[in-house]
C-alpha atoms as a PDB file:
ATOM      1  CA  MET A   1    -134.525  -9.459 -17.886  1.00  0.00           C
ATOM      2  CA  THR A   2    -136.638  -7.849 -20.383  1.00  0.00           C
ATOM      3  CA  GLU A   3    -136.224  -7.549 -23.859  1.00  0.00           C
ATOM      4  CA  ASP A   4    -133.896  -4.796 -25.257  1.00  0.00           C
ATOM      5  CA  ASN A   5    -130.862  -5.184 -22.639  1.00  0.00           C
ATOM      6  CA  ASN A   6    -133.403  -3.955 -19.885  1.00  0.00           C
ATOM      7  CA  ILE A   7    -133.412  -5.102 -16.360  1.00  0.00           C
ATOM      8  CA  GLU A   8    -136.354  -4.867 -14.043  1.00  0.00           C
ATOM      9  CA  ILE A   9    -135.846  -3.175 -10.245  1.00  0.00           C
ATOM     10  CA  THR A  10    -138.135  -2.769  -7.638  1.00  0.00           C
ATOM     11  CA  VAL A  11    -137.706   0.392  -5.331  1.00  0.00           C
ATOM     12  CA  THR A  12    -139.826   1.224  -2.335  1.00  0.00           C
ATOM     13  CA  ASP A  13    -139.782   5.057  -1.738  1.00  0.00           C
ATOM     14  CA  ARG A  14    -140.200   6.608   1.576  1.00  0.00           C
ATOM     15  CA  GLU A  15    -143.813   6.374   1.680  1.00  0.00           C
ATOM     16  CA  GLY A  16    -143.777   2.842   1.305  1.00  0.00           C
ATOM     17  CA  LYS A  17    -144.998   2.873  -2.311  1.00  0.00           C
ATOM     18  CA  LEU A  18    -143.617   0.166  -4.596  1.00  0.00           C
ATOM     19  CA  HIS A  19    -142.200   1.071  -7.927  1.00  0.00           C
ATOM     20  CA  LYS A  20    -141.254  -1.437 -10.898  1.00  0.00           C
ATOM     21  CA  LEU A  21    -138.851   0.278 -12.983  1.00  0.00           C
ATOM     22  CA  GLU A  22    -136.773  -0.755 -16.269  1.00  0.00           C
ATOM     23  CA  ALA A  23    -133.399  -0.031 -16.562  1.00  0.00           C
ATOM     24  CA  PRO A  24    -131.066  -0.244 -19.662  1.00  0.00           C
ATOM     25  CA  THR A  25    -127.889  -2.344 -19.371  1.00  0.00           C
ATOM     26  CA  ASP A  26    -126.232  -1.169 -22.354  1.00  0.00           C
ATOM     27  CA  MET A  27    -125.760   2.608 -21.302  1.00  0.00           C
ATOM     28  CA  ASN A  28    -123.402   2.397 -18.466  1.00  0.00           C
ATOM     29  CA  PHE A  29    -126.166   4.078 -15.936  1.00  0.00           C
ATOM     30  CA  ASN A  30    -125.884   3.440 -12.158  1.00  0.00           C
ATOM     31  CA  LEU A  31    -129.098   3.405  -9.993  1.00  0.00           C
ATOM     32  CA  MET A  32    -129.176   6.818  -9.035  1.00  0.00           C
ATOM     33  CA  GLU A  33    -129.423   7.841 -12.620  1.00  0.00           C
ATOM     34  CA  ILE A  34    -132.453   5.369 -13.128  1.00  0.00           C
ATOM     35  CA  LEU A  35    -133.978   6.604  -9.873  1.00  0.00           C
ATOM     36  CA  LYS A  36    -133.669  10.328 -11.160  1.00  0.00           C
ATOM     37  CA  SER A  37    -134.891   9.331 -14.537  1.00  0.00           C
ATOM     38  CA  TYR A  38    -138.358   8.031 -12.926  1.00  0.00           C
ATOM     39  CA  GLU A  39    -138.441  11.289 -10.919  1.00  0.00           C
ATOM     40  CA  LEU A  40    -138.127   9.506  -7.506  1.00  0.00           C
ATOM     41  CA  PRO A  41    -136.873  11.674  -4.555  1.00  0.00           C
ATOM     42  CA  VAL A  42    -133.022  11.077  -4.958  1.00  0.00           C
ATOM     43  CA  GLU A  43    -130.901  14.313  -4.907  1.00  0.00           C
ATOM     44  CA  GLY A  44    -127.393  12.853  -6.215  1.00  0.00           C
ATOM     45  CA  THR A  45    -126.126  15.893  -5.155  1.00  0.00           C
ATOM     46  CA  CYS A  46    -122.278  14.940  -6.135  1.00  0.00           C
ATOM     47  CA  GLY A  47    -123.186  13.669  -9.586  1.00  0.00           C
ATOM     48  CA  GLY A  48    -122.323  10.057  -8.604  1.00  0.00           C
ATOM     49  CA  MET A  49    -118.907  10.418  -7.386  1.00  0.00           C
ATOM     50  CA  ALA A  50    -119.661   8.747  -3.967  1.00  0.00           C
ATOM     51  CA  LEU A  51    -119.098  12.554  -2.218  1.00  0.00           C
ATOM     52  CA  CYS A  52    -122.280  12.842  -0.732  1.00  0.00           C
ATOM     53  CA  ALA A  53    -124.744  10.413   0.618  1.00  0.00           C
ATOM     54  CA  SER A  54    -128.050  12.187  -0.904  1.00  0.00           C
ATOM     55  CA  CYS A  55    -128.696   8.942  -3.021  1.00  0.00           C
ATOM     56  CA  HIS A  56    -128.354   6.394  -0.028  1.00  0.00           C
ATOM     57  CA  CYS A  57    -130.521   3.141  -0.279  1.00  0.00           C
ATOM     58  CA  TYR A  58    -131.070  -0.320   1.386  1.00  0.00           C
ATOM     59  CA  VAL A  59    -130.514  -3.150  -0.926  1.00  0.00           C
ATOM     60  CA  ASN A  60    -133.130  -5.769  -0.141  1.00  0.00           C
ATOM     61  CA  SER A  61    -132.508  -8.437  -2.324  1.00  0.00           C
ATOM     62  CA  ASP A  62    -129.457 -10.857  -2.201  1.00  0.00           C
ATOM     63  CA  HIS A  63    -127.540  -9.655  -5.459  1.00  0.00           C
ATOM     64  CA  ASP A  64    -123.739 -10.095  -5.309  1.00  0.00           C
ATOM     65  CA  LEU A  65    -122.755  -6.439  -5.667  1.00  0.00           C
ATOM     66  CA  SER A  66    -119.323  -5.169  -5.836  1.00  0.00           C
ATOM     67  CA  GLU A  67    -117.852  -4.277  -2.422  1.00  0.00           C
ATOM     68  CA  PRO A  68    -118.106  -0.596  -1.764  1.00  0.00           C
ATOM     69  CA  SER A  69    -115.116   1.287  -2.598  1.00  0.00           C
ATOM     70  CA  GLU A  70    -113.298   3.326   0.271  1.00  0.00           C
ATOM     71  CA  ASP A  71    -115.089   6.591  -0.680  1.00  0.00           C
ATOM     72  CA  GLU A  72    -118.425   4.945  -0.452  1.00  0.00           C
ATOM     73  CA  GLU A  73    -117.611   3.519   2.980  1.00  0.00           C
ATOM     74  CA  ASP A  74    -116.376   6.849   4.123  1.00  0.00           C
ATOM     75  CA  MET A  75    -119.449   8.463   2.973  1.00  0.00           C
ATOM     76  CA  LEU A  76    -121.775   6.033   4.508  1.00  0.00           C
ATOM     77  CA  ASP A  77    -119.985   6.374   7.793  1.00  0.00           C
ATOM     78  CA  SER A  78    -121.111   9.892   7.770  1.00  0.00           C
ATOM     79  CA  ALA A  79    -124.749   9.461   6.457  1.00  0.00           C
ATOM     80  CA  PHE A  80    -127.768   8.999   8.533  1.00  0.00           C
ATOM     81  CA  PHE A  81    -129.768   5.891   9.168  1.00  0.00           C
ATOM     82  CA  VAL A  82    -127.046   3.480   7.982  1.00  0.00           C
ATOM     83  CA  GLU A  83    -127.850  -0.441   7.761  1.00  0.00           C
ATOM     84  CA  ASP A  84    -125.812  -3.246   7.114  1.00  0.00           C
ATOM     85  CA  ASN A  85    -127.574  -3.364   3.881  1.00  0.00           C
ATOM     86  CA  SER A  86    -126.891   0.403   3.039  1.00  0.00           C
ATOM     87  CA  ARG A  87    -125.205   1.281  -0.319  1.00  0.00           C
ATOM     88  CA  LEU A  88    -124.921   4.720  -2.368  1.00  0.00           C
ATOM     89  CA  SER A  89    -127.202   4.232  -5.314  1.00  0.00           C
ATOM     90  CA  CYS A  90    -124.768   5.927  -7.334  1.00  0.00           C
ATOM     91  CA  GLN A  91    -122.239   3.098  -7.049  1.00  0.00           C
ATOM     92  CA  ILE A  92    -124.604   0.239  -8.307  1.00  0.00           C
ATOM     93  CA  LYS A  93    -123.923  -0.038 -11.977  1.00  0.00           C
ATOM     94  CA  MET A  94    -126.755  -1.338 -14.015  1.00  0.00           C
ATOM     95  CA  SER A  95    -125.777  -4.843 -15.635  1.00  0.00           C
ATOM     96  CA  PRO A  96    -127.542  -8.020 -16.401  1.00  0.00           C
ATOM     97  CA  GLU A  97    -126.189  -9.226 -12.881  1.00  0.00           C
ATOM     98  CA  VAL A  98    -128.337  -6.756 -10.940  1.00  0.00           C
ATOM     99  CA  ASP A  99    -131.754  -7.788 -12.659  1.00  0.00           C
ATOM    100  CA  GLY A 100    -134.529  -8.013 -10.098  1.00  0.00           C
ATOM    101  CA  LEU A 101    -132.472  -5.866  -7.530  1.00  0.00           C
ATOM    102  CA  ASP A 102    -134.719  -4.662  -4.721  1.00  0.00           C
ATOM    103  CA  VAL A 103    -133.846  -1.321  -3.092  1.00  0.00           C
ATOM    104  CA  THR A 104    -135.705   0.996  -0.367  1.00  0.00           C
ATOM    105  CA  LEU A 105    -134.642   4.546  -0.304  1.00  0.00           C
ATOM    106  CA  ALA A 106    -133.237   5.423   2.778  1.00  0.00           C
ATOM    107  CA  PRO A 107    -134.955   8.232   5.055  1.00  0.00           C
ATOM    108  CA  VAL A 108    -133.504  11.845   4.736  1.00  0.00           C
ATOM    109  CA  SER A 109    -131.916  13.697   7.763  1.00  0.00           C
ATOM    110  CA  GLU A 110    -134.279  16.168   8.972  1.00  0.00           C
END
């Protein structure tokens, strides 16, 4: 963890480029909001309510994340390119427990 309650996150974008991001843990942000603040291509059409899958990502690291809610599972069931490690980034809260999180942005449906 960095100073000032920030954590580090590694994101691989859809072109395979790595991004090292810092995220505050004391502002109740979720991963989707952090990705958007760094202008990574995540839509978050529903505003983080798990009502769309436009913030779909793959969790590559072995973090102990909360189990997906029923709403998140329903959205992933209807999403494209779903894998065992698929999550909606809007449902991953920024906390000290996710320091070092490594995710890849899922492909978008064409």
